[in-house]
Amino acid sequence: ALYYCAAKSSNVAIYASGNYAYWGQGTQVT
């Protein structure tokens, strides 16, 4: 998969990708 790093500062659920405002471009793991 493409593995993404993400960050959030708001106190919302950690499991939903939509709760993260900042994302990297991903690094591919094959």
ModelCIF file with pLDDT and N, C-alpha, C, O atoms, coordinates in Angstrom:
data_MODEL
#
_entry.id   MODEL 
#
_entity.id                         1 
_entity.type                       polymer 
_entity.pdbx_number_of_molecules   1 
#
_entity_poly.entity_id                      1 
_entity_poly.type                           'polypeptide(L)' 
_entity_poly.nstd_linkage                   no 
_entity_poly.nstd_monomer                   no 
_entity_poly.pdbx_seq_one_letter_code       ALYYCAAKSSNVAIYASGNYAYWGQGTQVT 
_entity_poly.pdbx_seq_one_letter_code_can   ALYYCAAKSSNVAIYASGNYAYWGQGTQVT 
_entity_poly.pdbx_strand_id                 A 
#
loop_
_entity_poly_seq.entity_id 
_entity_poly_seq.num 
_entity_poly_seq.mon_id 
_entity_poly_seq.hetero 
1 1  ALA n 
1 2  LEU n 
1 3  TYR n 
1 4  TYR n 
1 5  CYS n 
1 6  ALA n 
1 7  ALA n 
1 8  LYS n 
1 9  SER n 
1 10 SER n 
1 11 ASN n 
1 12 VAL n 
1 13 ALA n 
1 14 ILE n 
1 15 TYR n 
1 16 ALA n 
1 17 SER n 
1 18 GLY n 
1 19 ASN n 
1 20 TYR n 
1 21 ALA n 
1 22 TYR n 
1 23 TRP n 
1 24 GLY n 
1 25 GLN n 
1 26 GLY n 
1 27 THR n 
1 28 GLN n 
1 29 VAL n 
1 30 THR n 
#
_struct_asym.id          A 
_struct_asym.entity_id   1 
#
loop_
_ma_qa_metric.id 
_ma_qa_metric.mode 
_ma_qa_metric.name 
_ma_qa_metric.software_group_id 
_ma_qa_metric.type 
1 global pLDDT . pLDDT 
2 local  pLDDT . pLDDT 
#
_ma_qa_metric_global.metric_id      1 
_ma_qa_metric_global.metric_value   94.70 
_ma_qa_metric_global.model_id       1 
_ma_qa_metric_global.ordinal_id     1 
#
loop_
_ma_qa_metric_local.label_asym_id 
_ma_qa_metric_local.label_comp_id 
_ma_qa_metric_local.label_seq_id 
_ma_qa_metric_local.metric_id 
_ma_qa_metric_local.metric_value 
_ma_qa_metric_local.model_id 
_ma_qa_metric_local.ordinal_id 
A ALA 1  2 98.00 1 1  
A LEU 2  2 98.00 1 2  
A TYR 3  2 98.00 1 3  
A TYR 4  2 98.00 1 4  
A CYS 5  2 98.00 1 5  
A ALA 6  2 97.00 1 6  
A ALA 7  2 96.00 1 7  
A LYS 8  2 94.00 1 8  
A SER 9  2 91.00 1 9  
A SER 10 2 84.00 1 10 
A ASN 11 2 83.00 1 11 
A VAL 12 2 86.00 1 12 
A ALA 13 2 90.00 1 13 
A ILE 14 2 91.00 1 14 
A TYR 15 2 92.00 1 15 
A ALA 16 2 93.00 1 16 
A SER 17 2 94.00 1 17 
A GLY 18 2 95.00 1 18 
A ASN 19 2 95.00 1 19 
A TYR 20 2 96.00 1 20 
A ALA 21 2 95.00 1 21 
A TYR 22 2 96.00 1 22 
A TRP 23 2 97.00 1 23 
A GLY 24 2 98.00 1 24 
A GLN 25 2 98.00 1 25 
A GLY 26 2 98.00 1 26 
A THR 27 2 98.00 1 27 
A GLN 28 2 98.00 1 28 
A VAL 29 2 98.00 1 29 
A THR 30 2 98.00 1 30 
#
loop_
_atom_site.group_PDB 
_atom_site.id 
_atom_site.type_symbol 
_atom_site.label_atom_id 
_atom_site.label_alt_id 
_atom_site.label_comp_id 
_atom_site.label_asym_id 
_atom_site.label_entity_id 
_atom_site.label_seq_id 
_atom_site.pdbx_PDB_ins_code 
_atom_site.Cartn_x 
_atom_site.Cartn_y 
_atom_site.Cartn_z 
_atom_site.occupancy 
_atom_site.B_iso_or_equiv 
_atom_site.pdbx_formal_charge 
_atom_site.auth_seq_id 
_atom_site.auth_comp_id 
_atom_site.auth_asym_id 
_atom_site.auth_atom_id 
_atom_site.pdbx_PDB_model_num 
ATOM 1   N N  . ALA A 1 1  ? 0.848   -1.184 0.000  1.00 98.00 ? 1  ALA A N  1 
ATOM 2   C CA . ALA A 1 1  ? 0.000   0.000  0.000  1.00 98.00 ? 1  ALA A CA 1 
ATOM 3   C C  . ALA A 1 1  ? 0.882   1.231  0.000  1.00 98.00 ? 1  ALA A C  1 
ATOM 4   O O  . ALA A 1 1  ? 2.096   1.155  0.191  1.00 98.00 ? 1  ALA A O  1 
ATOM 5   N N  . LEU A 1 2  ? 0.252   2.345  -0.216 1.00 98.00 ? 2  LEU A N  1 
ATOM 6   C CA . LEU A 1 2  ? 0.890   3.626  -0.021 1.00 98.00 ? 2  LEU A CA 1 
ATOM 7   C C  . LEU A 1 2  ? 0.655   4.029  1.431  1.00 98.00 ? 2  LEU A C  1 
ATOM 8   O O  . LEU A 1 2  ? -0.487  4.142  1.875  1.00 98.00 ? 2  LEU A O  1 
ATOM 9   N N  . TYR A 1 3  ? 1.720   4.240  2.149  1.00 98.00 ? 3  TYR A N  1 
ATOM 10  C CA . TYR A 1 3  ? 1.637   4.562  3.567  1.00 98.00 ? 3  TYR A CA 1 
ATOM 11  C C  . TYR A 1 3  ? 1.800   6.057  3.770  1.00 98.00 ? 3  TYR A C  1 
ATOM 12  O O  . TYR A 1 3  ? 2.768   6.665  3.313  1.00 98.00 ? 3  TYR A O  1 
ATOM 13  N N  . TYR A 1 4  ? 0.836   6.630  4.461  1.00 98.00 ? 4  TYR A N  1 
ATOM 14  C CA . TYR A 1 4  ? 0.781   8.065  4.674  1.00 98.00 ? 4  TYR A CA 1 
ATOM 15  C C  . TYR A 1 4  ? 1.021   8.418  6.125  1.00 98.00 ? 4  TYR A C  1 
ATOM 16  O O  . TYR A 1 4  ? 0.570   7.726  7.037  1.00 98.00 ? 4  TYR A O  1 
ATOM 17  N N  . CYS A 1 5  ? 1.726   9.486  6.314  1.00 98.00 ? 5  CYS A N  1 
ATOM 18  C CA . CYS A 1 5  ? 1.839   10.126 7.607  1.00 98.00 ? 5  CYS A CA 1 
ATOM 19  C C  . CYS A 1 5  ? 0.800   11.244 7.679  1.00 98.00 ? 5  CYS A C  1 
ATOM 20  O O  . CYS A 1 5  ? 0.580   11.954 6.698  1.00 98.00 ? 5  CYS A O  1 
ATOM 21  N N  . ALA A 1 6  ? 0.173   11.396 8.823  1.00 97.00 ? 6  ALA A N  1 
ATOM 22  C CA . ALA A 1 6  ? -0.852  12.412 8.985  1.00 97.00 ? 6  ALA A CA 1 
ATOM 23  C C  . ALA A 1 6  ? -0.750  13.042 10.365 1.00 97.00 ? 6  ALA A C  1 
ATOM 24  O O  . ALA A 1 6  ? -0.214  12.446 11.300 1.00 97.00 ? 6  ALA A O  1 
ATOM 25  N N  . ALA A 1 7  ? -1.266  14.240 10.474 1.00 96.00 ? 7  ALA A N  1 
ATOM 26  C CA . ALA A 1 7  ? -1.226  14.960 11.737 1.00 96.00 ? 7  ALA A CA 1 
ATOM 27  C C  . ALA A 1 7  ? -2.516  15.729 11.943 1.00 96.00 ? 7  ALA A C  1 
ATOM 28  O O  . ALA A 1 7  ? -3.137  16.208 10.994 1.00 96.00 ? 7  ALA A O  1 
ATOM 29  N N  . LYS A 1 8  ? -2.900  15.836 13.192 1.00 94.00 ? 8  LYS A N  1 
ATOM 30  C CA . LYS A 1 8  ? -4.043  16.652 13.549 1.00 94.00 ? 8  LYS A CA 1 
ATOM 31  C C  . LYS A 1 8  ? -3.797  17.304 14.888 1.00 94.00 ? 8  LYS A C  1 
ATOM 32  O O  . LYS A 1 8  ? -3.084  16.762 15.733 1.00 94.00 ? 8  LYS A O  1 
ATOM 33  N N  . SER A 1 9  ? -4.380  18.451 15.075 1.00 91.00 ? 9  SER A N  1 
ATOM 34  C CA . SER A 1 9  ? -4.304  19.155 16.342 1.00 91.00 ? 9  SER A CA 1 
ATOM 35  C C  . SER A 1 9  ? -5.628  19.196 17.076 1.00 91.00 ? 9  SER A C  1 
ATOM 36  O O  . SER A 1 9  ? -5.664  19.525 18.262 1.00 91.00 ? 9  SER A O  1 
ATOM 37  N N  . SER A 1 10 ? -6.692  18.877 16.415 1.00 84.00 ? 10 SER A N  1 
ATOM 38  C CA . SER A 1 10 ? -8.014  18.911 17.021 1.00 84.00 ? 10 SER A CA 1 
ATOM 39  C C  . SER A 1 10 ? -8.286  17.635 17.791 1.00 84.00 ? 10 SER A C  1 
ATOM 40  O O  . SER A 1 10 ? -7.735  16.575 17.492 1.00 84.00 ? 10 SER A O  1 
ATOM 41  N N  . ASN A 1 11 ? -9.142  17.757 18.780 1.00 83.00 ? 11 ASN A N  1 
ATOM 42  C CA . ASN A 1 11 ? -9.465  16.635 19.641 1.00 83.00 ? 11 ASN A CA 1 
ATOM 43  C C  . ASN A 1 11 ? -10.656 15.881 19.060 1.00 83.00 ? 11 ASN A C  1 
ATOM 44  O O  . ASN A 1 11 ? -11.780 15.977 19.553 1.00 83.00 ? 11 ASN A O  1 
ATOM 45  N N  . VAL A 1 12 ? -10.382 15.140 18.015 1.00 86.00 ? 12 VAL A N  1 
ATOM 46  C CA . VAL A 1 12 ? -11.393 14.332 17.368 1.00 86.00 ? 12 VAL A CA 1 
ATOM 47  C C  . VAL A 1 12 ? -10.862 12.919 17.241 1.00 86.00 ? 12 VAL A C  1 
ATOM 48  O O  . VAL A 1 12 ? -9.690  12.656 17.510 1.00 86.00 ? 12 VAL A O  1 
ATOM 49  N N  . ALA A 1 13 ? -11.727 12.016 16.832 1.00 90.00 ? 13 ALA A N  1 
ATOM 50  C CA . ALA A 1 13 ? -11.378 10.603 16.777 1.00 90.00 ? 13 ALA A CA 1 
ATOM 51  C C  . ALA A 1 13 ? -10.153 10.366 15.909 1.00 90.00 ? 13 ALA A C  1 
ATOM 52  O O  . ALA A 1 13 ? -9.995  10.981 14.854 1.00 90.00 ? 13 ALA A O  1 
ATOM 53  N N  . ILE A 1 14 ? -9.298  9.477  16.361 1.00 91.00 ? 14 ILE A N  1 
ATOM 54  C CA . ILE A 1 14 ? -8.032  9.243  15.681 1.00 91.00 ? 14 ILE A CA 1 
ATOM 55  C C  . ILE A 1 14 ? -8.144  8.276  14.522 1.00 91.00 ? 14 ILE A C  1 
ATOM 56  O O  . ILE A 1 14 ? -7.223  8.179  13.711 1.00 91.00 ? 14 ILE A O  1 
ATOM 57  N N  . TYR A 1 15 ? -9.245  7.564  14.425 1.00 92.00 ? 15 TYR A N  1 
ATOM 58  C CA . TYR A 1 15 ? -9.334  6.475  13.474 1.00 92.00 ? 15 TYR A CA 1 
ATOM 59  C C  . TYR A 1 15 ? -9.814  6.883  12.091 1.00 92.00 ? 15 TYR A C  1 
ATOM 60  O O  . TYR A 1 15 ? -9.647  6.130  11.132 1.00 92.00 ? 15 TYR A O  1 
ATOM 61  N N  . ALA A 1 16 ? -10.397 8.044  11.978 1.00 93.00 ? 16 ALA A N  1 
ATOM 62  C CA . ALA A 1 16 ? -10.972 8.486  10.717 1.00 93.00 ? 16 ALA A CA 1 
ATOM 63  C C  . ALA A 1 16 ? -9.998  9.386  9.979  1.00 93.00 ? 16 ALA A C  1 
ATOM 64  O O  . ALA A 1 16 ? -9.528  10.388 10.519 1.00 93.00 ? 16 ALA A O  1 
ATOM 65  N N  . SER A 1 17 ? -9.705  9.026  8.760  1.00 94.00 ? 17 SER A N  1 
ATOM 66  C CA . SER A 1 17 ? -8.757  9.804  7.983  1.00 94.00 ? 17 SER A CA 1 
ATOM 67  C C  . SER A 1 17 ? -9.220  11.237 7.759  1.00 94.00 ? 17 SER A C  1 
ATOM 68  O O  . SER A 1 17 ? -8.402  12.151 7.654  1.00 94.00 ? 17 SER A O  1 
ATOM 69  N N  . GLY A 1 18 ? -10.529 11.430 7.688  1.00 95.00 ? 18 GLY A N  1 
ATOM 70  C CA . GLY A 1 18 ? -11.063 12.758 7.468  1.00 95.00 ? 18 GLY A CA 1 
ATOM 71  C C  . GLY A 1 18 ? -10.829 13.722 8.607  1.00 95.00 ? 18 GLY A C  1 
ATOM 72  O O  . GLY A 1 18 ? -11.029 14.926 8.446  1.00 95.00 ? 18 GLY A O  1 
ATOM 73  N N  . ASN A 1 19 ? -10.415 13.225 9.745  1.00 95.00 ? 19 ASN A N  1 
ATOM 74  C CA . ASN A 1 19 ? -10.157 14.083 10.892 1.00 95.00 ? 19 ASN A CA 1 
ATOM 75  C C  . ASN A 1 19 ? -8.750  14.667 10.903 1.00 95.00 ? 19 ASN A C  1 
ATOM 76  O O  . ASN A 1 19 ? -8.412  15.456 11.785 1.00 95.00 ? 19 ASN A O  1 
ATOM 77  N N  . TYR A 1 20 ? -7.944  14.293 9.949  1.00 96.00 ? 20 TYR A N  1 
ATOM 78  C CA . TYR A 1 20 ? -6.570  14.766 9.880  1.00 96.00 ? 20 TYR A CA 1 
ATOM 79  C C  . TYR A 1 20 ? -6.439  15.841 8.810  1.00 96.00 ? 20 TYR A C  1 
ATOM 80  O O  . TYR A 1 20 ? -6.833  15.648 7.660  1.00 96.00 ? 20 TYR A O  1 
ATOM 81  N N  . ALA A 1 21 ? -5.889  16.952 9.203  1.00 95.00 ? 21 ALA A N  1 
ATOM 82  C CA . ALA A 1 21 ? -5.779  18.085 8.294  1.00 95.00 ? 21 ALA A CA 1 
ATOM 83  C C  . ALA A 1 21 ? -4.503  18.066 7.466  1.00 95.00 ? 21 ALA A C  1 
ATOM 84  O O  . ALA A 1 21 ? -4.451  18.659 6.389  1.00 95.00 ? 21 ALA A O  1 
ATOM 85  N N  . TYR A 1 22 ? -3.487  17.396 7.960  1.00 96.00 ? 22 TYR A N  1 
ATOM 86  C CA . TYR A 1 22 ? -2.185  17.443 7.316  1.00 96.00 ? 22 TYR A CA 1 
ATOM 87  C C  . TYR A 1 22 ? -1.746  16.052 6.910  1.00 96.00 ? 22 TYR A C  1 
ATOM 88  O O  . TYR A 1 22 ? -1.824  15.103 7.690  1.00 96.00 ? 22 TYR A O  1 
ATOM 89  N N  . TRP A 1 23 ? -1.289  15.951 5.693  1.00 97.00 ? 23 TRP A N  1 
ATOM 90  C CA . TRP A 1 23 ? -0.895  14.673 5.111  1.00 97.00 ? 23 TRP A CA 1 
ATOM 91  C C  . TRP A 1 23 ? 0.386   14.804 4.315  1.00 97.00 ? 23 TRP A C  1 
ATOM 92  O O  . TRP A 1 23 ? 0.643   15.821 3.671  1.00 97.00 ? 23 TRP A O  1 
ATOM 93  N N  . GLY A 1 24 ? 1.176   13.758 4.373  1.00 98.00 ? 24 GLY A N  1 
ATOM 94  C CA . GLY A 1 24 ? 2.282   13.655 3.451  1.00 98.00 ? 24 GLY A CA 1 
ATOM 95  C C  . GLY A 1 24 ? 1.818   13.068 2.137  1.00 98.00 ? 24 GLY A C  1 
ATOM 96  O O  . GLY A 1 24 ? 0.641   12.753 1.960  1.00 98.00 ? 24 GLY A O  1 
ATOM 97  N N  . GLN A 1 25 ? 2.746   12.926 1.229  1.00 98.00 ? 25 GLN A N  1 
ATOM 98  C CA . GLN A 1 25 ? 2.431   12.379 -0.079 1.00 98.00 ? 25 GLN A CA 1 
ATOM 99  C C  . GLN A 1 25 ? 2.469   10.859 -0.115 1.00 98.00 ? 25 GLN A C  1 
ATOM 100 O O  . GLN A 1 25 ? 2.064   10.250 -1.105 1.00 98.00 ? 25 GLN A O  1 
ATOM 101 N N  . GLY A 1 26 ? 2.941   10.257 0.935  1.00 98.00 ? 26 GLY A N  1 
ATOM 102 C CA . GLY A 1 26 ? 2.965   8.816  1.026  1.00 98.00 ? 26 GLY A CA 1 
ATOM 103 C C  . GLY A 1 26 ? 4.288   8.217  0.597  1.00 98.00 ? 26 GLY A C  1 
ATOM 104 O O  . GLY A 1 26 ? 5.035   8.802  -0.187 1.00 98.00 ? 26 GLY A O  1 
ATOM 105 N N  . THR A 1 27 ? 4.556   7.056  1.121  1.00 98.00 ? 27 THR A N  1 
ATOM 106 C CA . THR A 1 27 ? 5.707   6.273  0.708  1.00 98.00 ? 27 THR A CA 1 
ATOM 107 C C  . THR A 1 27 ? 5.225   4.866  0.397  1.00 98.00 ? 27 THR A C  1 
ATOM 108 O O  . THR A 1 27 ? 4.489   4.262  1.177  1.00 98.00 ? 27 THR A O  1 
ATOM 109 N N  . GLN A 1 28 ? 5.636   4.364  -0.723 1.00 98.00 ? 28 GLN A N  1 
ATOM 110 C CA . GLN A 1 28 ? 5.121   3.093  -1.210 1.00 98.00 ? 28 GLN A CA 1 
ATOM 111 C C  . GLN A 1 28 ? 5.831   1.925  -0.556 1.00 98.00 ? 28 GLN A C  1 
ATOM 112 O O  . GLN A 1 28 ? 7.059   1.869  -0.502 1.00 98.00 ? 28 GLN A O  1 
ATOM 113 N N  . VAL A 1 29 ? 5.036   1.001  -0.066 1.00 98.00 ? 29 VAL A N  1 
ATOM 114 C CA . VAL A 1 29 ? 5.535   -0.265 0.450  1.00 98.00 ? 29 VAL A CA 1 
ATOM 115 C C  . VAL A 1 29 ? 4.993   -1.368 -0.439 1.00 98.00 ? 29 VAL A C  1 
ATOM 116 O O  . VAL A 1 29 ? 3.781   -1.525 -0.583 1.00 98.00 ? 29 VAL A O  1 
ATOM 117 N N  . THR A 1 30 ? 5.881   -2.114 -1.021 1.00 98.00 ? 30 THR A N  1 
ATOM 118 C CA . THR A 1 30 ? 5.499   -3.214 -1.881 1.00 98.00 ? 30 THR A CA 1 
ATOM 119 C C  . THR A 1 30 ? 6.135   -4.491 -1.359 1.00 98.00 ? 30 THR A C  1 
ATOM 120 O O  . THR A 1 30 ? 5.943   -5.558 -1.942 1.00 98.00 ? 30 THR A O  1 
#
